[in-house]
């Protein structure tokens, strides 16, 4: 495949970096490797990579310094790269600092090369970040969605058990969107572990833990705190070339919305479509956004944080 996407690996771990370079090169990316922050700045300016995978403690300019430099130099860069920060430590403060400075992702070492590839593919995919309310959106057939929202509110206020309510709400969203799966996932503050609260395709899945390195779309929503719509790569002829090289990575269309608990981000709603689905209409997007607000209110008044997540917070 022609190297349409360029990746700069900035890390002084030569052996590990070379293996990552070879892995990505074999899958069609154009890849270069540098070992200092100073060299990374030079290659970003000259080579204009789409992505930079940068170690947190890079010599001659660490990751936060590189992020600040890119922000200052943005007007002079024709191609502003997406920065993935890597580190052997998942210290909450480091994660928050890098994300606040503009990093697209924070990846804890040791990582699997397939997880890096998954993150690259996610950030290549066509997607839209959505605010809490989109201006000027006209909802055709709005009465239908008002009726559905009324049903959702009634379910959230019912006297059923919490697990049953969440399962029923996930089913309602899946049926409305014609999604193959709708899940509610609580995510730990260090972004490493997900805990499934409910899923439309399996009633007894509560408590199932997810390795969040496999779900870059959920991590993106957790760090941006905005809903994201991802369109199917198969409809982009350039990106479709990547699809043939990364079998095992899902390319389905998705909509992912944040869930809040007492004004703090708590997790996500994830609705995954089948492979025949290409685009979401504005009614479906707005419906899921509204339902996410209803569920956030439900979580704020009803849900307890699992014991293992409390321990994670205490350790941080």
C-alpha atoms as a PDB file:
ATOM      1  CA  UNK A   1       0.000   0.000   0.000  1.00  0.00           C
ATOM      2  CA  UNK A   2       1.202   3.515  -0.713  1.00  0.00           C
ATOM      3  CA  UNK A   3       2.221   5.250   2.541  1.00  0.00           C
ATOM      4  CA  UNK A   4      -0.630   7.759   2.776  1.00  0.00           C
ATOM      5  CA  UNK A   5      -0.178   8.288   6.526  1.00  0.00           C
ATOM      6  CA  UNK A   6       3.123   9.289   8.090  1.00  0.00           C
ATOM      7  CA  UNK A   7       4.056   8.368  11.676  1.00  0.00           C
ATOM      8  CA  UNK A   8       7.025   9.784  13.587  1.00  0.00           C
ATOM      9  CA  UNK A   9       8.178   7.626  16.512  1.00  0.00           C
ATOM     10  CA  UNK A  10      10.060   9.742  19.080  1.00  0.00           C
ATOM     11  CA  UNK A  11      11.588   7.482  21.723  1.00  0.00           C
ATOM     12  CA  UNK A  12      15.119   6.776  22.967  1.00  0.00           C
ATOM     13  CA  UNK A  13      14.296   3.073  23.454  1.00  0.00           C
ATOM     14  CA  UNK A  14      15.945   2.073  20.185  1.00  0.00           C
ATOM     15  CA  UNK A  15      15.140  -1.654  20.220  1.00  0.00           C
ATOM     16  CA  UNK A  16      11.445  -1.239  21.051  1.00  0.00           C
ATOM     17  CA  UNK A  17      11.072   1.696  18.687  1.00  0.00           C
ATOM     18  CA  UNK A  18      12.607  -0.165  15.772  1.00  0.00           C
ATOM     19  CA  UNK A  19      10.169  -3.045  16.266  1.00  0.00           C
ATOM     20  CA  UNK A  20       7.261  -0.577  16.275  1.00  0.00           C
ATOM     21  CA  UNK A  21       8.634   1.119  13.149  1.00  0.00           C
ATOM     22  CA  UNK A  22       8.891  -2.240  11.354  1.00  0.00           C
ATOM     23  CA  UNK A  23       5.397  -3.271  12.482  1.00  0.00           C
ATOM     24  CA  UNK A  24       3.760  -0.084  11.177  1.00  0.00           C
ATOM     25  CA  UNK A  25       5.836  -0.028   7.991  1.00  0.00           C
ATOM     26  CA  UNK A  26       4.686  -3.555   7.155  1.00  0.00           C
ATOM     27  CA  UNK A  27       1.097  -2.287   7.412  1.00  0.00           C
ATOM     28  CA  UNK A  28       1.499   0.508   4.908  1.00  0.00           C
ATOM     29  CA  UNK A  29       2.428   3.524   7.043  1.00  0.00           C
ATOM     30  CA  UNK A  30       5.363   5.792   6.301  1.00  0.00           C
ATOM     31  CA  UNK A  31       7.416   5.723   9.517  1.00  0.00           C
ATOM     32  CA  UNK A  32      10.493   7.543  10.811  1.00  0.00           C
ATOM     33  CA  UNK A  33      12.274   7.327  14.175  1.00  0.00           C
ATOM     34  CA  UNK A  34      14.038   9.995  16.271  1.00  0.00           C
ATOM     35  CA  UNK A  35      15.418   9.805  19.814  1.00  0.00           C
ATOM     36  CA  UNK A  36      15.229  13.403  21.108  1.00  0.00           C
ATOM     37  CA  UNK A  37      12.649  16.131  21.427  1.00  0.00           C
ATOM     38  CA  UNK A  38      14.848  18.471  19.407  1.00  0.00           C
ATOM     39  CA  UNK A  39      15.008  15.999  16.515  1.00  0.00           C
ATOM     40  CA  UNK A  40      11.235  15.456  16.758  1.00  0.00           C
ATOM     41  CA  UNK A  41      10.612  19.190  16.277  1.00  0.00           C
ATOM     42  CA  UNK A  42      12.887  19.252  13.243  1.00  0.00           C
ATOM     43  CA  UNK A  43      11.160  16.282  11.580  1.00  0.00           C
ATOM     44  CA  UNK A  44       7.670  17.600  12.392  1.00  0.00           C
ATOM     45  CA  UNK A  45       8.556  20.862  10.659  1.00  0.00           C
ATOM     46  CA  UNK A  46      10.289  19.259   7.666  1.00  0.00           C
ATOM     47  CA  UNK A  47       8.461  15.939   7.145  1.00  0.00           C
ATOM     48  CA  UNK A  48       4.966  16.988   8.297  1.00  0.00           C
ATOM     49  CA  UNK A  49       3.859  13.655   9.833  1.00  0.00           C
ATOM     50  CA  UNK A  50       0.192  12.934  10.530  1.00  0.00           C
ATOM     51  CA  UNK A  51       1.016  11.272  13.876  1.00  0.00           C
ATOM     52  CA  UNK A  52       3.769  11.482  16.481  1.00  0.00           C
ATOM     53  CA  UNK A  53       4.169   8.652  19.014  1.00  0.00           C
ATOM     54  CA  UNK A  54       6.260  10.351  21.697  1.00  0.00           C
ATOM     55  CA  UNK A  55       7.684   9.045  24.984  1.00  0.00           C
ATOM     56  CA  UNK A  56       6.736  11.194  27.986  1.00  0.00           C
ATOM     57  CA  UNK A  57      10.349  11.640  29.177  1.00  0.00           C
ATOM     58  CA  UNK A  58      12.047  12.175  25.823  1.00  0.00           C
ATOM     59  CA  UNK A  59      15.529  13.784  26.098  1.00  0.00           C
ATOM     60  CA  UNK A  60      16.029  17.372  24.872  1.00  0.00           C
ATOM     61  CA  UNK A  61      12.355  18.219  25.114  1.00  0.00           C
ATOM     62  CA  UNK A  62       9.834  15.976  26.861  1.00  0.00           C
ATOM     63  CA  UNK A  63       6.279  15.327  25.659  1.00  0.00           C
ATOM     64  CA  UNK A  64       4.627  18.323  27.430  1.00  0.00           C
ATOM     65  CA  UNK A  65       7.296  20.610  25.992  1.00  0.00           C
ATOM     66  CA  UNK A  66       6.732  19.161  22.527  1.00  0.00           C
ATOM     67  CA  UNK A  67       2.972  19.670  22.876  1.00  0.00           C
ATOM     68  CA  UNK A  68       3.490  23.302  23.915  1.00  0.00           C
ATOM     69  CA  UNK A  69       5.840  23.810  20.960  1.00  0.00           C
ATOM     70  CA  UNK A  70       3.286  22.417  18.495  1.00  0.00           C
ATOM     71  CA  UNK A  71       0.622  24.712  19.938  1.00  0.00           C
ATOM     72  CA  UNK A  72       2.932  27.724  19.548  1.00  0.00           C
ATOM     73  CA  UNK A  73       4.033  26.693  16.045  1.00  0.00           C
ATOM     74  CA  UNK A  74       0.593  25.602  14.772  1.00  0.00           C
ATOM     75  CA  UNK A  75       0.197  28.537  12.390  1.00  0.00           C
ATOM     76  CA  UNK A  76       3.505  27.661  10.752  1.00  0.00           C
ATOM     77  CA  UNK A  77       2.773  23.950  10.325  1.00  0.00           C
ATOM     78  CA  UNK A  78       0.847  22.941   7.230  1.00  0.00           C
ATOM     79  CA  UNK A  79       0.184  19.544   8.860  1.00  0.00           C
ATOM     80  CA  UNK A  80      -0.537  19.641  12.608  1.00  0.00           C
ATOM     81  CA  UNK A  81       0.160  16.099  13.847  1.00  0.00           C
ATOM     82  CA  UNK A  82      -1.856  14.129  16.348  1.00  0.00           C
ATOM     83  CA  UNK A  83       0.327  13.308  19.356  1.00  0.00           C
ATOM     84  CA  UNK A  84       0.206   9.969  21.184  1.00  0.00           C
ATOM     85  CA  UNK A  85       2.119  10.176  24.473  1.00  0.00           C
ATOM     86  CA  UNK A  86       3.570   6.915  25.806  1.00  0.00           C
ATOM     87  CA  UNK A  87       4.807   6.254  29.341  1.00  0.00           C
ATOM     88  CA  UNK A  88       5.566   3.398  31.711  1.00  0.00           C
ATOM     89  CA  UNK A  89       3.452   5.211  34.339  1.00  0.00           C
ATOM     90  CA  UNK A  90      -0.295   5.850  34.309  1.00  0.00           C
ATOM     91  CA  UNK A  91      -0.163   8.705  36.832  1.00  0.00           C
ATOM     92  CA  UNK A  92      -3.484  10.562  36.610  1.00  0.00           C
ATOM     93  CA  UNK A  93      -1.859  13.998  36.708  1.00  0.00           C
ATOM     94  CA  UNK A  94       0.423  13.141  33.774  1.00  0.00           C
ATOM     95  CA  UNK A  95      -2.536  11.917  31.729  1.00  0.00           C
ATOM     96  CA  UNK A  96      -4.588  15.051  32.454  1.00  0.00           C
ATOM     97  CA  UNK A  97      -1.656  17.375  31.736  1.00  0.00           C
ATOM     98  CA  UNK A  98      -0.884  15.797  28.352  1.00  0.00           C
ATOM     99  CA  UNK A  99      -4.530  15.725  27.267  1.00  0.00           C
ATOM    100  CA  UNK A 100      -5.032  19.343  28.361  1.00  0.00           C
ATOM    101  CA  UNK A 101      -1.995  20.348  26.266  1.00  0.00           C
ATOM    102  CA  UNK A 102      -3.519  18.759  23.173  1.00  0.00           C
ATOM    103  CA  UNK A 103      -2.396  15.123  23.121  1.00  0.00           C
ATOM    104  CA  UNK A 104      -4.802  12.883  21.216  1.00  0.00           C
ATOM    105  CA  UNK A 105      -3.983   9.812  23.305  1.00  0.00           C
ATOM    106  CA  UNK A 106      -1.970   8.598  26.308  1.00  0.00           C
ATOM    107  CA  UNK A 107      -0.712   5.018  26.079  1.00  0.00           C
ATOM    108  CA  UNK A 108       0.772   3.082  28.990  1.00  0.00           C
ATOM    109  CA  UNK A 109       3.856   0.920  28.372  1.00  0.00           C
ATOM    110  CA  UNK A 110       4.340  -1.897  27.755  1.00  0.00           C
ATOM    111  CA  UNK A 111       1.793  -1.782  24.957  1.00  0.00           C
ATOM    112  CA  UNK A 112       0.876  -4.174  22.182  1.00  0.00           C
ATOM    113  CA  UNK A 113       1.680  -2.967  18.680  1.00  0.00           C
ATOM    114  CA  UNK A 114      -1.826  -4.002  17.628  1.00  0.00           C
ATOM    115  CA  UNK A 115      -3.219  -1.511  20.190  1.00  0.00           C
ATOM    116  CA  UNK A 116      -1.145   1.294  18.652  1.00  0.00           C
ATOM    117  CA  UNK A 117      -2.509   0.305  15.253  1.00  0.00           C
ATOM    118  CA  UNK A 118      -6.079   0.343  16.582  1.00  0.00           C
ATOM    119  CA  UNK A 119      -5.590   3.870  17.907  1.00  0.00           C
ATOM    120  CA  UNK A 120      -4.085   5.066  14.620  1.00  0.00           C
ATOM    121  CA  UNK A 121      -7.007   3.626  12.674  1.00  0.00           C
ATOM    122  CA  UNK A 122      -9.527   5.289  15.005  1.00  0.00           C
ATOM    123  CA  UNK A 123      -7.934   8.709  14.552  1.00  0.00           C
ATOM    124  CA  UNK A 124      -7.819   8.192  10.777  1.00  0.00           C
ATOM    125  CA  UNK A 125     -11.512   7.349  10.605  1.00  0.00           C
ATOM    126  CA  UNK A 126     -13.998  10.002   9.581  1.00  0.00           C
ATOM    127  CA  UNK A 127     -15.617  11.278  12.757  1.00  0.00           C
ATOM    128  CA  UNK A 128     -17.481  14.239  14.134  1.00  0.00           C
ATOM    129  CA  UNK A 129     -17.190  15.606  17.645  1.00  0.00           C
ATOM    130  CA  UNK A 130     -20.529  16.873  18.881  1.00  0.00           C
ATOM    131  CA  UNK A 131     -21.278  19.555  21.438  1.00  0.00           C
ATOM    132  CA  UNK A 132     -24.028  19.175  23.992  1.00  0.00           C
ATOM    133  CA  UNK A 133     -26.496  20.815  21.635  1.00  0.00           C
ATOM    134  CA  UNK A 134     -26.236  21.291  17.892  1.00  0.00           C
ATOM    135  CA  UNK A 135     -27.628  24.584  16.664  1.00  0.00           C
ATOM    136  CA  UNK A 136     -29.981  24.748  13.747  1.00  0.00           C
ATOM    137  CA  UNK A 137     -30.803  21.041  13.723  1.00  0.00           C
ATOM    138  CA  UNK A 138     -34.291  20.304  12.444  1.00  0.00           C
ATOM    139  CA  UNK A 139     -35.665  16.964  13.588  1.00  0.00           C
ATOM    140  CA  UNK A 140     -38.076  15.618  11.025  1.00  0.00           C
ATOM    141  CA  UNK A 141     -40.645  13.359  12.574  1.00  0.00           C
ATOM    142  CA  UNK A 142     -39.720  14.775  15.985  1.00  0.00           C
ATOM    143  CA  UNK A 143     -42.945  13.492  17.529  1.00  0.00           C
ATOM    144  CA  UNK A 144     -41.655   9.937  17.213  1.00  0.00           C
ATOM    145  CA  UNK A 145     -38.481  10.811  19.103  1.00  0.00           C
ATOM    146  CA  UNK A 146     -40.381  12.738  21.757  1.00  0.00           C
ATOM    147  CA  UNK A 147     -42.492   9.624  22.278  1.00  0.00           C
ATOM    148  CA  UNK A 148     -39.355   7.475  22.536  1.00  0.00           C
ATOM    149  CA  UNK A 149     -37.779   9.917  24.976  1.00  0.00           C
ATOM    150  CA  UNK A 150     -40.930   9.803  27.095  1.00  0.00           C
ATOM    151  CA  UNK A 151     -40.623   6.006  27.250  1.00  0.00           C
ATOM    152  CA  UNK A 152     -36.962   6.314  28.257  1.00  0.00           C
ATOM    153  CA  UNK A 153     -37.820   8.769  31.049  1.00  0.00           C
ATOM    154  CA  UNK A 154     -40.580   6.523  32.337  1.00  0.00           C
ATOM    155  CA  UNK A 155     -38.229   3.544  32.383  1.00  0.00           C
ATOM    156  CA  UNK A 156     -35.517   5.499  34.238  1.00  0.00           C
ATOM    157  CA  UNK A 157     -38.085   6.547  36.855  1.00  0.00           C
ATOM    158  CA  UNK A 158     -39.611   3.106  37.270  1.00  0.00           C
ATOM    159  CA  UNK A 159     -39.383   0.962  40.413  1.00  0.00           C
ATOM    160  CA  UNK A 160     -37.481  -1.834  38.701  1.00  0.00           C
ATOM    161  CA  UNK A 161     -34.045  -2.984  39.830  1.00  0.00           C
ATOM    162  CA  UNK A 162     -31.172  -0.780  38.620  1.00  0.00           C
ATOM    163  CA  UNK A 163     -29.648  -3.532  36.489  1.00  0.00           C
ATOM    164  CA  UNK A 164     -32.981  -4.197  34.792  1.00  0.00           C
ATOM    165  CA  UNK A 165     -33.507  -0.498  34.071  1.00  0.00           C
ATOM    166  CA  UNK A 166     -30.079  -0.112  32.461  1.00  0.00           C
ATOM    167  CA  UNK A 167     -30.549  -3.257  30.382  1.00  0.00           C
ATOM    168  CA  UNK A 168     -33.973  -2.062  29.178  1.00  0.00           C
ATOM    169  CA  UNK A 169     -32.546   1.366  28.295  1.00  0.00           C
ATOM    170  CA  UNK A 170     -29.732  -0.211  26.288  1.00  0.00           C
ATOM    171  CA  UNK A 171     -32.307  -2.306  24.387  1.00  0.00           C
ATOM    172  CA  UNK A 172     -34.407   0.788  23.640  1.00  0.00           C
ATOM    173  CA  UNK A 173     -31.430   2.607  22.142  1.00  0.00           C
ATOM    174  CA  UNK A 174     -30.366  -0.434  20.106  1.00  0.00           C
ATOM    175  CA  UNK A 175     -33.869  -0.927  18.703  1.00  0.00           C
ATOM    176  CA  UNK A 176     -34.286   2.781  17.871  1.00  0.00           C
ATOM    177  CA  UNK A 177     -30.943   2.999  16.065  1.00  0.00           C
ATOM    178  CA  UNK A 178     -31.096  -0.532  14.643  1.00  0.00           C
ATOM    179  CA  UNK A 179     -27.708  -1.052  16.331  1.00  0.00           C
ATOM    180  CA  UNK A 180     -26.115  -4.478  16.711  1.00  0.00           C
ATOM    181  CA  UNK A 181     -25.028  -3.534  20.232  1.00  0.00           C
ATOM    182  CA  UNK A 182     -25.582  -0.688  22.690  1.00  0.00           C
ATOM    183  CA  UNK A 183     -23.482  -0.743  25.864  1.00  0.00           C
ATOM    184  CA  UNK A 184     -23.072   1.389  28.975  1.00  0.00           C
ATOM    185  CA  UNK A 185     -19.490   1.280  30.250  1.00  0.00           C
ATOM    186  CA  UNK A 186     -17.990   2.805  33.376  1.00  0.00           C
ATOM    187  CA  UNK A 187     -14.293   3.694  32.891  1.00  0.00           C
ATOM    188  CA  UNK A 188     -11.630   4.074  35.574  1.00  0.00           C
ATOM    189  CA  UNK A 189      -9.982   7.450  36.064  1.00  0.00           C
ATOM    190  CA  UNK A 190      -6.635   6.196  34.759  1.00  0.00           C
ATOM    191  CA  UNK A 191      -8.424   5.072  31.558  1.00  0.00           C
ATOM    192  CA  UNK A 192      -7.114   1.513  31.796  1.00  0.00           C
ATOM    193  CA  UNK A 193     -10.209  -0.514  32.793  1.00  0.00           C
ATOM    194  CA  UNK A 194     -13.827  -0.473  31.668  1.00  0.00           C
ATOM    195  CA  UNK A 195     -16.662  -2.063  33.626  1.00  0.00           C
ATOM    196  CA  UNK A 196     -19.768  -2.968  31.582  1.00  0.00           C
ATOM    197  CA  UNK A 197     -22.935  -1.825  33.343  1.00  0.00           C
ATOM    198  CA  UNK A 198     -25.337  -3.153  30.697  1.00  0.00           C
ATOM    199  CA  UNK A 199     -25.392  -4.276  27.073  1.00  0.00           C
ATOM    200  CA  UNK A 200     -28.355  -4.736  24.770  1.00  0.00           C
ATOM    201  CA  UNK A 201     -27.142  -8.071  23.381  1.00  0.00           C
ATOM    202  CA  UNK A 202     -26.424  -9.832  26.687  1.00  0.00           C
ATOM    203  CA  UNK A 203     -28.523  -9.480  29.808  1.00  0.00           C
ATOM    204  CA  UNK A 204     -26.047 -10.977  32.303  1.00  0.00           C
ATOM    205  CA  UNK A 205     -22.871  -9.136  31.241  1.00  0.00           C
ATOM    206  CA  UNK A 206     -22.790  -6.623  34.123  1.00  0.00           C
ATOM    207  CA  UNK A 207     -19.341  -6.432  35.720  1.00  0.00           C
ATOM    208  CA  UNK A 208     -17.481  -7.701  32.662  1.00  0.00           C
ATOM    209  CA  UNK A 209     -14.163  -5.851  32.485  1.00  0.00           C
ATOM    210  CA  UNK A 210     -12.700  -4.349  29.323  1.00  0.00           C
ATOM    211  CA  UNK A 211      -9.092  -3.550  28.487  1.00  0.00           C
ATOM    212  CA  UNK A 212      -9.552   0.053  27.410  1.00  0.00           C
ATOM    213  CA  UNK A 213      -6.491  -0.123  25.136  1.00  0.00           C
ATOM    214  CA  UNK A 214      -8.823  -1.973  22.753  1.00  0.00           C
ATOM    215  CA  UNK A 215     -11.397   0.846  22.649  1.00  0.00           C
ATOM    216  CA  UNK A 216      -9.812   4.103  21.445  1.00  0.00           C
ATOM    217  CA  UNK A 217     -13.223   5.556  20.570  1.00  0.00           C
ATOM    218  CA  UNK A 218     -14.314   5.323  24.229  1.00  0.00           C
ATOM    219  CA  UNK A 219     -11.016   6.782  25.447  1.00  0.00           C
ATOM    220  CA  UNK A 220     -11.414   9.687  23.031  1.00  0.00           C
ATOM    221  CA  UNK A 221     -14.834  10.521  24.466  1.00  0.00           C
ATOM    222  CA  UNK A 222     -13.510  10.214  28.029  1.00  0.00           C
ATOM    223  CA  UNK A 223     -10.712  12.723  27.357  1.00  0.00           C
ATOM    224  CA  UNK A 224     -12.701  15.137  25.158  1.00  0.00           C
ATOM    225  CA  UNK A 225     -15.956  14.744  27.151  1.00  0.00           C
ATOM    226  CA  UNK A 226     -17.839  15.161  23.868  1.00  0.00           C
ATOM    227  CA  UNK A 227     -19.969  12.768  21.876  1.00  0.00           C
ATOM    228  CA  UNK A 228     -18.297  11.328  18.779  1.00  0.00           C
ATOM    229  CA  UNK A 229     -19.761   9.871  15.601  1.00  0.00           C
ATOM    230  CA  UNK A 230     -17.510   7.530  13.606  1.00  0.00           C
ATOM    231  CA  UNK A 231     -18.370   6.684  10.016  1.00  0.00           C
ATOM    232  CA  UNK A 232     -17.501   3.383   8.313  1.00  0.00           C
ATOM    233  CA  UNK A 233     -14.059   3.360   6.670  1.00  0.00           C
ATOM    234  CA  UNK A 234     -15.285   1.201   3.805  1.00  0.00           C
ATOM    235  CA  UNK A 235     -16.777   4.298   2.173  1.00  0.00           C
ATOM    236  CA  UNK A 236     -13.380   6.024   1.889  1.00  0.00           C
ATOM    237  CA  UNK A 237     -11.339   4.438  -0.956  1.00  0.00           C
ATOM    238  CA  UNK A 238      -7.992   5.501   0.546  1.00  0.00           C
ATOM    239  CA  UNK A 239      -8.730   4.291   4.065  1.00  0.00           C
ATOM    240  CA  UNK A 240     -10.241   1.085   2.730  1.00  0.00           C
ATOM    241  CA  UNK A 241      -6.692   0.028   1.812  1.00  0.00           C
ATOM    242  CA  UNK A 242      -5.825  -0.023   5.510  1.00  0.00           C
ATOM    243  CA  UNK A 243      -8.866  -2.150   6.227  1.00  0.00           C
ATOM    244  CA  UNK A 244      -7.379  -5.017   4.221  1.00  0.00           C
ATOM    245  CA  UNK A 245      -4.187  -4.907   6.306  1.00  0.00           C
ATOM    246  CA  UNK A 246      -5.690  -4.765   9.788  1.00  0.00           C
ATOM    247  CA  UNK A 247      -8.157  -7.601   9.933  1.00  0.00           C
ATOM    248  CA  UNK A 248      -9.642  -7.954  13.402  1.00  0.00           C
ATOM    249  CA  UNK A 249     -10.179  -4.213  13.905  1.00  0.00           C
ATOM    250  CA  UNK A 250     -13.814  -3.170  13.706  1.00  0.00           C
ATOM    251  CA  UNK A 251     -14.679  -0.568  11.086  1.00  0.00           C
ATOM    252  CA  UNK A 252     -18.364  -0.325  11.950  1.00  0.00           C
ATOM    253  CA  UNK A 253     -20.073   3.048  12.242  1.00  0.00           C
ATOM    254  CA  UNK A 254     -20.452   4.062  15.890  1.00  0.00           C
ATOM    255  CA  UNK A 255     -21.855   6.780  18.072  1.00  0.00           C
ATOM    256  CA  UNK A 256     -20.331   7.220  21.526  1.00  0.00           C
ATOM    257  CA  UNK A 257     -21.677   9.665  24.128  1.00  0.00           C
ATOM    258  CA  UNK A 258     -20.258  10.575  27.546  1.00  0.00           C
ATOM    259  CA  UNK A 259     -22.020   9.636  30.766  1.00  0.00           C
ATOM    260  CA  UNK A 260     -21.653  11.855  33.820  1.00  0.00           C
ATOM    261  CA  UNK A 261     -22.161  11.198  37.516  1.00  0.00           C
ATOM    262  CA  UNK A 262     -22.493  14.277  39.734  1.00  0.00           C
ATOM    263  CA  UNK A 263     -20.961  16.426  36.975  1.00  0.00           C
ATOM    264  CA  UNK A 264     -17.863  14.184  36.652  1.00  0.00           C
ATOM    265  CA  UNK A 265     -17.369  12.013  33.577  1.00  0.00           C
ATOM    266  CA  UNK A 266     -18.166   8.436  34.542  1.00  0.00           C
ATOM    267  CA  UNK A 267     -18.206   6.415  31.337  1.00  0.00           C
ATOM    268  CA  UNK A 268     -19.836   6.176  27.924  1.00  0.00           C
ATOM    269  CA  UNK A 269     -22.785   4.956  25.902  1.00  0.00           C
ATOM    270  CA  UNK A 270     -21.516   3.097  22.843  1.00  0.00           C
ATOM    271  CA  UNK A 271     -23.823   2.162  19.976  1.00  0.00           C
ATOM    272  CA  UNK A 272     -22.239   0.046  17.239  1.00  0.00           C
ATOM    273  CA  UNK A 273     -23.957  -0.424  13.890  1.00  0.00           C
ATOM    274  CA  UNK A 274     -23.771  -3.337  11.478  1.00  0.00           C
ATOM    275  CA  UNK A 275     -21.403  -3.265   8.511  1.00  0.00           C
ATOM    276  CA  UNK A 276     -24.132  -2.114   6.101  1.00  0.00           C
ATOM    277  CA  UNK A 277     -24.650   1.148   8.004  1.00  0.00           C
ATOM    278  CA  UNK A 278     -22.683   4.165   6.741  1.00  0.00           C
ATOM    279  CA  UNK A 279     -24.037   7.389   8.264  1.00  0.00           C
ATOM    280  CA  UNK A 280     -26.159   8.530  11.202  1.00  0.00           C
ATOM    281  CA  UNK A 281     -28.953  11.028  10.682  1.00  0.00           C
ATOM    282  CA  UNK A 282     -29.232  14.038  12.985  1.00  0.00           C
ATOM    283  CA  UNK A 283     -32.352  12.679  14.708  1.00  0.00           C
ATOM    284  CA  UNK A 284     -30.546   9.544  15.854  1.00  0.00           C
ATOM    285  CA  UNK A 285     -27.568  11.560  17.098  1.00  0.00           C
ATOM    286  CA  UNK A 286     -29.739  13.966  19.070  1.00  0.00           C
ATOM    287  CA  UNK A 287     -31.790  11.100  20.510  1.00  0.00           C
ATOM    288  CA  UNK A 288     -28.682   9.362  21.887  1.00  0.00           C
ATOM    289  CA  UNK A 289     -27.376  12.651  23.287  1.00  0.00           C
ATOM    290  CA  UNK A 290     -30.640  13.246  25.120  1.00  0.00           C
ATOM    291  CA  UNK A 291     -30.772   9.679  26.413  1.00  0.00           C
ATOM    292  CA  UNK A 292     -27.203  10.019  27.675  1.00  0.00           C
ATOM    293  CA  UNK A 293     -28.326  13.002  29.762  1.00  0.00           C
ATOM    294  CA  UNK A 294     -31.219  11.001  31.191  1.00  0.00           C
ATOM    295  CA  UNK A 295     -28.911   8.120  32.095  1.00  0.00           C
ATOM    296  CA  UNK A 296     -26.401  10.547  33.619  1.00  0.00           C
ATOM    297  CA  UNK A 297     -29.137  11.794  35.954  1.00  0.00           C
ATOM    298  CA  UNK A 298     -30.042   8.197  36.772  1.00  0.00           C
ATOM    299  CA  UNK A 299     -26.402   7.374  37.575  1.00  0.00           C
ATOM    300  CA  UNK A 300     -26.039  10.451  39.771  1.00  0.00           C
ATOM    301  CA  UNK A 301     -28.919   9.421  41.992  1.00  0.00           C
ATOM    302  CA  UNK A 302     -28.782   5.623  41.889  1.00  0.00           C
ATOM    303  CA  UNK A 303     -25.449   4.038  40.954  1.00  0.00           C
ATOM    304  CA  UNK A 304     -22.744   3.011  43.362  1.00  0.00           C
ATOM    305  CA  UNK A 305     -19.136   2.901  42.178  1.00  0.00           C
ATOM    306  CA  UNK A 306     -17.787  -0.687  42.148  1.00  0.00           C
ATOM    307  CA  UNK A 307     -15.317  -1.472  44.919  1.00  0.00           C
ATOM    308  CA  UNK A 308     -12.387  -2.065  42.558  1.00  0.00           C
ATOM    309  CA  UNK A 309     -12.897   1.370  40.992  1.00  0.00           C
ATOM    310  CA  UNK A 310     -12.929   3.033  44.409  1.00  0.00           C
ATOM    311  CA  UNK A 311      -9.566   1.424  45.089  1.00  0.00           C
ATOM    312  CA  UNK A 312      -8.260   2.716  41.743  1.00  0.00           C
ATOM    313  CA  UNK A 313      -9.242   6.246  42.710  1.00  0.00           C
ATOM    314  CA  UNK A 314      -7.678   5.939  46.141  1.00  0.00           C
ATOM    315  CA  UNK A 315      -4.408   4.696  44.636  1.00  0.00           C
ATOM    316  CA  UNK A 316      -4.235   7.702  42.332  1.00  0.00           C
END
